[in-house]
Amino acid sequence: MKPMIEIDALSYSYPDGTRALESICLSVMPGEKIALVGANGAGKSTLLLHLNGVLTGEGSVCISGLALEKKNIGRIRAMVGLVFQNPDDQLFSSTVYEDVAFGPIHQGYDDDVIKERVSDALKAVQMTEFADRNPYHLSSGQKKRVAIASVLSMRPEVLAFDEPSAGLDPRARRELIELLEELPQTMLIATHDLDLANRLAPRTVLLNAGRIVKDGFTEAILGNSELLYANGMR
């Protein structure tokens, strides 16, 4: 079986010169769920933004054997769904249906296919009855679900989450974890929520200052308080 994600010697500096990633090498197999943990500024979000070409650094990124380069960017963005920390950054239409339909519309599908994809995506996140609602009138947890549906409607093979539990109350957080447990896609989850990481991801990658410090079983890494503390986490 070939890796779903293959990253080799990936480095990136922001325009102000800040070095955000340094020689990242990471291989992810199909169906794996991996937590990316680390203190603020460790490089978690920056790494996620390289998976579908929002950012482009030195080194190589391949998704399902397809090199991340200009000629492949459209196909890769359909394969990798990125869910931002704040759903308000992802939802911009007047109805839930329109937000979830946006991706398939711009992929060029006809109306019947769009309706099917929107229906399936909303069903997957248990938001079918909210199709005609304005997203801005929903709760934080409901907005998160709609943001996930807007990505699922494009039928991605990879889901990349940036702090998925941020801003959620305990009930919404629990429901989100249960939802993500059921989704079959390969997942990379950047999070400070170590309980969520422990629940969802058998494998954890610990980052510090743009480098991978440790890559291994979640239980072993999150159970090592000295390792976490040494890398800016309590």
C-alpha atoms as a PDB file:
ATOM      1  CA  MET A   1       0.000   0.000   0.000  1.00  0.00           C
ATOM      2  CA  LYS A   2       1.350   3.407  -1.004  1.00  0.00           C
ATOM      3  CA  PRO A   3       1.272   6.411   1.357  1.00  0.00           C
ATOM      4  CA  MET A   4      -1.645   8.809   1.064  1.00  0.00           C
ATOM      5  CA  ILE A   5       0.634  11.677   2.102  1.00  0.00           C
ATOM      6  CA  GLU A   6       4.389  11.769   1.518  1.00  0.00           C
ATOM      7  CA  ILE A   7       6.327  14.820   2.709  1.00  0.00           C
ATOM      8  CA  ASP A   8      10.067  15.006   2.196  1.00  0.00           C
ATOM      9  CA  ALA A   9      12.479  17.694   3.476  1.00  0.00           C
ATOM     10  CA  LEU A  10       9.736  20.339   3.636  1.00  0.00           C
ATOM     11  CA  SER A  11      10.937  23.742   4.859  1.00  0.00           C
ATOM     12  CA  TYR A  12       9.156  27.078   4.847  1.00  0.00           C
ATOM     13  CA  SER A  13       9.873  30.666   5.863  1.00  0.00           C
ATOM     14  CA  TYR A  14       7.266  33.418   6.103  1.00  0.00           C
ATOM     15  CA  PRO A  15       7.880  36.683   4.189  1.00  0.00           C
ATOM     16  CA  ASP A  16       9.225  38.347   7.343  1.00  0.00           C
ATOM     17  CA  GLY A  17      11.946  35.698   7.527  1.00  0.00           C
ATOM     18  CA  THR A  18      10.402  33.615  10.321  1.00  0.00           C
ATOM     19  CA  ARG A  19      11.382  29.978   9.814  1.00  0.00           C
ATOM     20  CA  ALA A  20       8.145  28.018  10.296  1.00  0.00           C
ATOM     21  CA  LEU A  21       9.088  24.533   9.067  1.00  0.00           C
ATOM     22  CA  GLU A  22      12.488  22.868   8.937  1.00  0.00           C
ATOM     23  CA  SER A  23      13.152  19.639   7.022  1.00  0.00           C
ATOM     24  CA  ILE A  24       9.810  17.975   7.736  1.00  0.00           C
ATOM     25  CA  CYS A  25       9.615  14.347   6.624  1.00  0.00           C
ATOM     26  CA  LEU A  26       6.299  12.576   7.147  1.00  0.00           C
ATOM     27  CA  SER A  27       4.579   9.577   5.620  1.00  0.00           C
ATOM     28  CA  VAL A  28       0.868   8.937   6.209  1.00  0.00           C
ATOM     29  CA  MET A  29      -0.903   5.775   5.106  1.00  0.00           C
ATOM     30  CA  PRO A  30      -4.489   5.704   3.788  1.00  0.00           C
ATOM     31  CA  GLY A  31      -7.034   5.820   6.602  1.00  0.00           C
ATOM     32  CA  GLU A  32      -4.562   6.886   9.291  1.00  0.00           C
ATOM     33  CA  LYS A  33      -5.665   9.443  11.856  1.00  0.00           C
ATOM     34  CA  ILE A  34      -2.721  11.491  13.115  1.00  0.00           C
ATOM     35  CA  ALA A  35      -2.632  14.257  15.727  1.00  0.00           C
ATOM     36  CA  LEU A  36      -0.208  17.145  15.242  1.00  0.00           C
ATOM     37  CA  VAL A  37       0.603  18.602  18.654  1.00  0.00           C
ATOM     38  CA  GLY A  38       2.945  21.297  19.881  1.00  0.00           C
ATOM     39  CA  ALA A  39       3.013  24.723  21.467  1.00  0.00           C
ATOM     40  CA  ASN A  40       1.839  27.856  19.661  1.00  0.00           C
ATOM     41  CA  GLY A  41       4.242  28.590  16.809  1.00  0.00           C
ATOM     42  CA  ALA A  42       5.407  24.982  16.525  1.00  0.00           C
ATOM     43  CA  GLY A  43       4.391  24.826  12.858  1.00  0.00           C
ATOM     44  CA  LYS A  44       1.199  22.748  13.026  1.00  0.00           C
ATOM     45  CA  SER A  45      -1.074  25.061  11.030  1.00  0.00           C
ATOM     46  CA  THR A  46       1.689  25.931   8.585  1.00  0.00           C
ATOM     47  CA  LEU A  47       2.194  22.243   7.859  1.00  0.00           C
ATOM     48  CA  LEU A  48      -1.520  21.739   7.183  1.00  0.00           C
ATOM     49  CA  LEU A  49      -1.556  24.658   4.745  1.00  0.00           C
ATOM     50  CA  HIS A  50       1.078  22.883   2.638  1.00  0.00           C
ATOM     51  CA  LEU A  51      -1.143  19.846   2.064  1.00  0.00           C
ATOM     52  CA  ASN A  52      -3.262  21.519  -0.616  1.00  0.00           C
ATOM     53  CA  GLY A  53      -0.988  24.275  -1.802  1.00  0.00           C
ATOM     54  CA  VAL A  54      -2.214  27.230   0.223  1.00  0.00           C
ATOM     55  CA  LEU A  55       1.471  27.589   1.114  1.00  0.00           C
ATOM     56  CA  THR A  56       4.386  26.235  -0.882  1.00  0.00           C
ATOM     57  CA  GLY A  57       7.806  25.690   0.647  1.00  0.00           C
ATOM     58  CA  GLU A  58      11.065  23.962  -0.222  1.00  0.00           C
ATOM     59  CA  GLY A  59      11.016  20.188  -0.453  1.00  0.00           C
ATOM     60  CA  SER A  60       8.256  17.951  -1.777  1.00  0.00           C
ATOM     61  CA  VAL A  61       4.658  17.072  -0.922  1.00  0.00           C
ATOM     62  CA  CYS A  62       2.800  14.228  -2.644  1.00  0.00           C
ATOM     63  CA  ILE A  63      -0.864  13.355  -2.148  1.00  0.00           C
ATOM     64  CA  SER A  64      -1.850   9.852  -3.255  1.00  0.00           C
ATOM     65  CA  GLY A  65       1.274   9.764  -5.425  1.00  0.00           C
ATOM     66  CA  LEU A  66       0.515  13.115  -7.045  1.00  0.00           C
ATOM     67  CA  ALA A  67       3.213  15.771  -6.655  1.00  0.00           C
ATOM     68  CA  LEU A  68       2.035  19.090  -5.281  1.00  0.00           C
ATOM     69  CA  GLU A  69       2.882  21.385  -8.175  1.00  0.00           C
ATOM     70  CA  LYS A  70       1.048  23.936 -10.281  1.00  0.00           C
ATOM     71  CA  LYS A  71      -0.305  21.520 -12.885  1.00  0.00           C
ATOM     72  CA  ASN A  72      -1.794  19.263 -10.177  1.00  0.00           C
ATOM     73  CA  ILE A  73      -3.099  21.882  -7.758  1.00  0.00           C
ATOM     74  CA  GLY A  74      -6.762  21.589  -8.783  1.00  0.00           C
ATOM     75  CA  ARG A  75      -6.820  17.818  -8.377  1.00  0.00           C
ATOM     76  CA  ILE A  76      -5.004  17.951  -5.057  1.00  0.00           C
ATOM     77  CA  ARG A  77      -7.334  20.597  -3.621  1.00  0.00           C
ATOM     78  CA  ALA A  78     -10.235  18.300  -4.442  1.00  0.00           C
ATOM     79  CA  MET A  79      -8.432  15.467  -2.641  1.00  0.00           C
ATOM     80  CA  VAL A  80      -7.470  17.391   0.504  1.00  0.00           C
ATOM     81  CA  GLY A  81     -10.196  19.088   2.535  1.00  0.00           C
ATOM     82  CA  LEU A  82      -8.954  21.744   4.955  1.00  0.00           C
ATOM     83  CA  VAL A  83     -11.229  22.688   7.874  1.00  0.00           C
ATOM     84  CA  PHE A  84     -10.158  25.953   9.500  1.00  0.00           C
ATOM     85  CA  GLN A  85     -10.152  26.633  13.225  1.00  0.00           C
ATOM     86  CA  ASN A  86     -12.832  29.324  12.917  1.00  0.00           C
ATOM     87  CA  PRO A  87     -15.800  28.169  10.799  1.00  0.00           C
ATOM     88  CA  ASP A  88     -16.663  31.812  10.069  1.00  0.00           C
ATOM     89  CA  ASP A  89     -13.537  31.832   7.865  1.00  0.00           C
ATOM     90  CA  GLN A  90     -15.076  29.021   5.807  1.00  0.00           C
ATOM     91  CA  LEU A  91     -18.793  29.876   5.694  1.00  0.00           C
ATOM     92  CA  PHE A  92     -19.852  32.846   3.604  1.00  0.00           C
ATOM     93  CA  SER A  93     -23.177  32.032   1.906  1.00  0.00           C
ATOM     94  CA  SER A  94     -26.710  32.945   2.974  1.00  0.00           C
ATOM     95  CA  THR A  95     -27.768  29.319   3.505  1.00  0.00           C
ATOM     96  CA  VAL A  96     -26.141  26.114   4.690  1.00  0.00           C
ATOM     97  CA  TYR A  97     -27.036  24.448   1.387  1.00  0.00           C
ATOM     98  CA  GLU A  98     -25.196  27.096  -0.631  1.00  0.00           C
ATOM     99  CA  ASP A  99     -22.072  26.784   1.499  1.00  0.00           C
ATOM    100  CA  VAL A 100     -21.975  23.006   1.169  1.00  0.00           C
ATOM    101  CA  ALA A 101     -22.723  23.195  -2.573  1.00  0.00           C
ATOM    102  CA  PHE A 102     -19.953  25.702  -3.280  1.00  0.00           C
ATOM    103  CA  GLY A 103     -17.192  23.138  -3.823  1.00  0.00           C
ATOM    104  CA  PRO A 104     -19.101  20.772  -6.145  1.00  0.00           C
ATOM    105  CA  ILE A 105     -20.406  23.757  -8.147  1.00  0.00           C
ATOM    106  CA  HIS A 106     -16.867  24.953  -8.801  1.00  0.00           C
ATOM    107  CA  GLN A 107     -15.788  21.420  -9.606  1.00  0.00           C
ATOM    108  CA  GLY A 108     -18.202  21.642 -12.537  1.00  0.00           C
ATOM    109  CA  TYR A 109     -20.767  19.029 -11.550  1.00  0.00           C
ATOM    110  CA  ASP A 110     -24.339  19.188 -12.812  1.00  0.00           C
ATOM    111  CA  ASP A 111     -27.301  19.984 -10.573  1.00  0.00           C
ATOM    112  CA  ASP A 112     -28.240  16.371  -9.813  1.00  0.00           C
ATOM    113  CA  VAL A 113     -24.736  15.491  -8.670  1.00  0.00           C
ATOM    114  CA  ILE A 114     -24.501  18.680  -6.589  1.00  0.00           C
ATOM    115  CA  LYS A 115     -27.786  17.907  -4.829  1.00  0.00           C
ATOM    116  CA  GLU A 116     -26.641  14.358  -4.105  1.00  0.00           C
ATOM    117  CA  ARG A 117     -23.289  15.497  -2.727  1.00  0.00           C
ATOM    118  CA  VAL A 118     -24.840  18.185  -0.537  1.00  0.00           C
ATOM    119  CA  SER A 119     -27.425  15.725   0.770  1.00  0.00           C
ATOM    120  CA  ASP A 120     -24.781  13.098   1.569  1.00  0.00           C
ATOM    121  CA  ALA A 121     -22.472  15.627   3.250  1.00  0.00           C
ATOM    122  CA  LEU A 122     -25.199  17.109   5.442  1.00  0.00           C
ATOM    123  CA  LYS A 123     -26.393  13.642   6.377  1.00  0.00           C
ATOM    124  CA  ALA A 124     -22.852  12.644   7.378  1.00  0.00           C
ATOM    125  CA  VAL A 125     -22.658  15.545   9.867  1.00  0.00           C
ATOM    126  CA  GLN A 126     -26.303  15.238  10.959  1.00  0.00           C
ATOM    127  CA  MET A 127     -27.280  18.678   9.675  1.00  0.00           C
ATOM    128  CA  THR A 128     -29.834  17.772   6.972  1.00  0.00           C
ATOM    129  CA  GLU A 129     -32.642  19.733   8.587  1.00  0.00           C
ATOM    130  CA  PHE A 130     -30.527  22.906   8.616  1.00  0.00           C
ATOM    131  CA  ALA A 131     -30.048  23.134   4.826  1.00  0.00           C
ATOM    132  CA  ASP A 132     -32.130  26.297   4.471  1.00  0.00           C
ATOM    133  CA  ARG A 133     -30.803  28.031   7.585  1.00  0.00           C
ATOM    134  CA  ASN A 134     -28.386  30.952   7.608  1.00  0.00           C
ATOM    135  CA  PRO A 135     -25.020  29.622   8.889  1.00  0.00           C
ATOM    136  CA  TYR A 136     -24.453  32.736  10.987  1.00  0.00           C
ATOM    137  CA  HIS A 137     -27.522  31.907  13.071  1.00  0.00           C
ATOM    138  CA  LEU A 138     -26.147  28.522  14.115  1.00  0.00           C
ATOM    139  CA  SER A 139     -24.257  27.576  17.261  1.00  0.00           C
ATOM    140  CA  SER A 140     -20.486  27.146  17.199  1.00  0.00           C
ATOM    141  CA  GLY A 141     -20.822  23.384  17.148  1.00  0.00           C
ATOM    142  CA  GLN A 142     -23.330  23.491  14.310  1.00  0.00           C
ATOM    143  CA  LYS A 143     -21.088  25.830  12.318  1.00  0.00           C
ATOM    144  CA  LYS A 144     -18.205  23.375  12.735  1.00  0.00           C
ATOM    145  CA  ARG A 145     -20.400  20.618  11.339  1.00  0.00           C
ATOM    146  CA  VAL A 146     -21.407  22.724   8.341  1.00  0.00           C
ATOM    147  CA  ALA A 147     -17.753  23.626   7.693  1.00  0.00           C
ATOM    148  CA  ILE A 148     -16.910  19.918   7.693  1.00  0.00           C
ATOM    149  CA  ALA A 149     -19.857  19.223   5.354  1.00  0.00           C
ATOM    150  CA  SER A 150     -18.620  21.923   2.962  1.00  0.00           C
ATOM    151  CA  VAL A 151     -15.412  19.909   2.657  1.00  0.00           C
ATOM    152  CA  LEU A 152     -17.058  16.463   2.579  1.00  0.00           C
ATOM    153  CA  SER A 153     -19.207  17.505  -0.394  1.00  0.00           C
ATOM    154  CA  MET A 154     -16.043  17.464  -2.515  1.00  0.00           C
ATOM    155  CA  ARG A 155     -15.446  13.816  -1.546  1.00  0.00           C
ATOM    156  CA  PRO A 156     -11.871  14.365  -0.307  1.00  0.00           C
ATOM    157  CA  GLU A 157      -9.504  11.538   0.498  1.00  0.00           C
ATOM    158  CA  VAL A 158      -7.730  13.566   3.205  1.00  0.00           C
ATOM    159  CA  LEU A 159      -9.195  15.780   5.929  1.00  0.00           C
ATOM    160  CA  ALA A 160      -6.945  18.342   7.624  1.00  0.00           C
ATOM    161  CA  PHE A 161      -8.331  19.955  10.782  1.00  0.00           C
ATOM    162  CA  ASP A 162      -6.901  23.028  12.486  1.00  0.00           C
ATOM    163  CA  GLU A 163      -7.928  23.057  16.177  1.00  0.00           C
ATOM    164  CA  PRO A 164     -11.327  21.424  15.552  1.00  0.00           C
ATOM    165  CA  SER A 165     -12.483  21.609  19.185  1.00  0.00           C
ATOM    166  CA  ALA A 166     -11.534  25.264  19.759  1.00  0.00           C
ATOM    167  CA  GLY A 167     -14.413  27.371  21.063  1.00  0.00           C
ATOM    168  CA  LEU A 168     -16.811  24.470  21.591  1.00  0.00           C
ATOM    169  CA  ASP A 169     -18.740  23.791  24.781  1.00  0.00           C
ATOM    170  CA  PRO A 170     -18.341  20.308  26.326  1.00  0.00           C
ATOM    171  CA  ARG A 171     -21.405  18.844  24.611  1.00  0.00           C
ATOM    172  CA  ALA A 172     -20.494  20.181  21.151  1.00  0.00           C
ATOM    173  CA  ARG A 173     -16.918  19.011  21.635  1.00  0.00           C
ATOM    174  CA  ARG A 174     -18.062  15.497  22.557  1.00  0.00           C
ATOM    175  CA  GLU A 175     -20.388  15.368  19.550  1.00  0.00           C
ATOM    176  CA  LEU A 176     -17.589  16.559  17.259  1.00  0.00           C
ATOM    177  CA  ILE A 177     -15.233  13.852  18.495  1.00  0.00           C
ATOM    178  CA  GLU A 178     -17.934  11.229  17.913  1.00  0.00           C
ATOM    179  CA  LEU A 179     -18.451  12.556  14.381  1.00  0.00           C
ATOM    180  CA  LEU A 180     -14.741  12.497  13.516  1.00  0.00           C
ATOM    181  CA  GLU A 181     -14.422   8.964  14.892  1.00  0.00           C
ATOM    182  CA  GLU A 182     -16.951   7.820  12.282  1.00  0.00           C
ATOM    183  CA  LEU A 183     -15.425   9.509   9.226  1.00  0.00           C
ATOM    184  CA  PRO A 184     -13.272   7.131   7.136  1.00  0.00           C
ATOM    185  CA  GLN A 185     -10.882   9.628   5.532  1.00  0.00           C
ATOM    186  CA  THR A 186      -7.191   9.947   6.266  1.00  0.00           C
ATOM    187  CA  MET A 187      -6.910  12.710   8.884  1.00  0.00           C
ATOM    188  CA  LEU A 188      -4.303  15.136  10.157  1.00  0.00           C
ATOM    189  CA  ILE A 189      -5.557  17.001  13.209  1.00  0.00           C
ATOM    190  CA  ALA A 190      -3.607  19.978  14.546  1.00  0.00           C
ATOM    191  CA  THR A 191      -4.706  20.436  18.144  1.00  0.00           C
ATOM    192  CA  HIS A 192      -3.880  21.582  21.661  1.00  0.00           C
ATOM    193  CA  ASP A 193      -6.682  19.331  22.919  1.00  0.00           C
ATOM    194  CA  LEU A 194      -4.695  16.324  24.095  1.00  0.00           C
ATOM    195  CA  ASP A 195      -7.788  14.406  25.160  1.00  0.00           C
ATOM    196  CA  LEU A 196      -9.188  14.768  21.640  1.00  0.00           C
ATOM    197  CA  ALA A 197      -5.856  13.580  20.225  1.00  0.00           C
ATOM    198  CA  ASN A 198      -5.915  10.589  22.532  1.00  0.00           C
ATOM    199  CA  ARG A 199      -9.480   9.716  21.518  1.00  0.00           C
ATOM    200  CA  LEU A 200      -9.086  10.107  17.765  1.00  0.00           C
ATOM    201  CA  ALA A 201      -5.493   9.501  16.756  1.00  0.00           C
ATOM    202  CA  PRO A 202      -3.511   6.302  17.370  1.00  0.00           C
ATOM    203  CA  ARG A 203      -0.423   8.157  16.108  1.00  0.00           C
ATOM    204  CA  THR A 204       0.881  11.570  17.198  1.00  0.00           C
ATOM    205  CA  VAL A 205       3.518  13.864  15.718  1.00  0.00           C
ATOM    206  CA  LEU A 206       5.046  16.339  18.178  1.00  0.00           C
ATOM    207  CA  LEU A 207       6.399  19.560  16.663  1.00  0.00           C
ATOM    208  CA  ASN A 208       8.624  22.230  18.127  1.00  0.00           C
ATOM    209  CA  ALA A 209      10.051  25.255  16.304  1.00  0.00           C
ATOM    210  CA  GLY A 210       9.066  23.823  12.940  1.00  0.00           C
ATOM    211  CA  ARG A 211      10.720  20.445  13.452  1.00  0.00           C
ATOM    212  CA  ILE A 212       9.349  16.991  14.207  1.00  0.00           C
ATOM    213  CA  VAL A 213      10.574  16.098  17.688  1.00  0.00           C
ATOM    214  CA  LYS A 214       8.741  12.803  18.073  1.00  0.00           C
ATOM    215  CA  ASP A 215       6.535  10.619  15.890  1.00  0.00           C
ATOM    216  CA  GLY A 216       4.944   7.576  17.434  1.00  0.00           C
ATOM    217  CA  PHE A 217       2.106   6.023  19.382  1.00  0.00           C
ATOM    218  CA  THR A 218      -0.186   8.648  20.888  1.00  0.00           C
ATOM    219  CA  GLU A 219      -0.361   6.941  24.265  1.00  0.00           C
ATOM    220  CA  ALA A 220       3.439   6.920  24.611  1.00  0.00           C
ATOM    221  CA  ILE A 221       3.929  10.550  23.546  1.00  0.00           C
ATOM    222  CA  LEU A 222       1.030  12.080  25.468  1.00  0.00           C
ATOM    223  CA  GLY A 223       1.905   9.974  28.501  1.00  0.00           C
ATOM    224  CA  ASN A 224       5.440  11.412  28.615  1.00  0.00           C
ATOM    225  CA  SER A 225       4.988  14.590  30.664  1.00  0.00           C
ATOM    226  CA  GLU A 226       8.718  15.409  30.580  1.00  0.00           C
ATOM    227  CA  LEU A 227       8.743  15.272  26.768  1.00  0.00           C
ATOM    228  CA  LEU A 228       5.670  17.486  26.529  1.00  0.00           C
ATOM    229  CA  TYR A 229       6.972  19.987  29.057  1.00  0.00           C
ATOM    230  CA  ALA A 230      10.353  20.186  27.312  1.00  0.00           C
ATOM    231  CA  ASN A 231       8.511  21.139  24.131  1.00  0.00           C
ATOM    232  CA  GLY A 232       6.347  23.872  25.575  1.00  0.00           C
ATOM    233  CA  MET A 233       3.277  21.848  26.510  1.00  0.00           C
ATOM    234  CA  ARG A 234       1.761  21.230  29.902  1.00  0.00           C
END
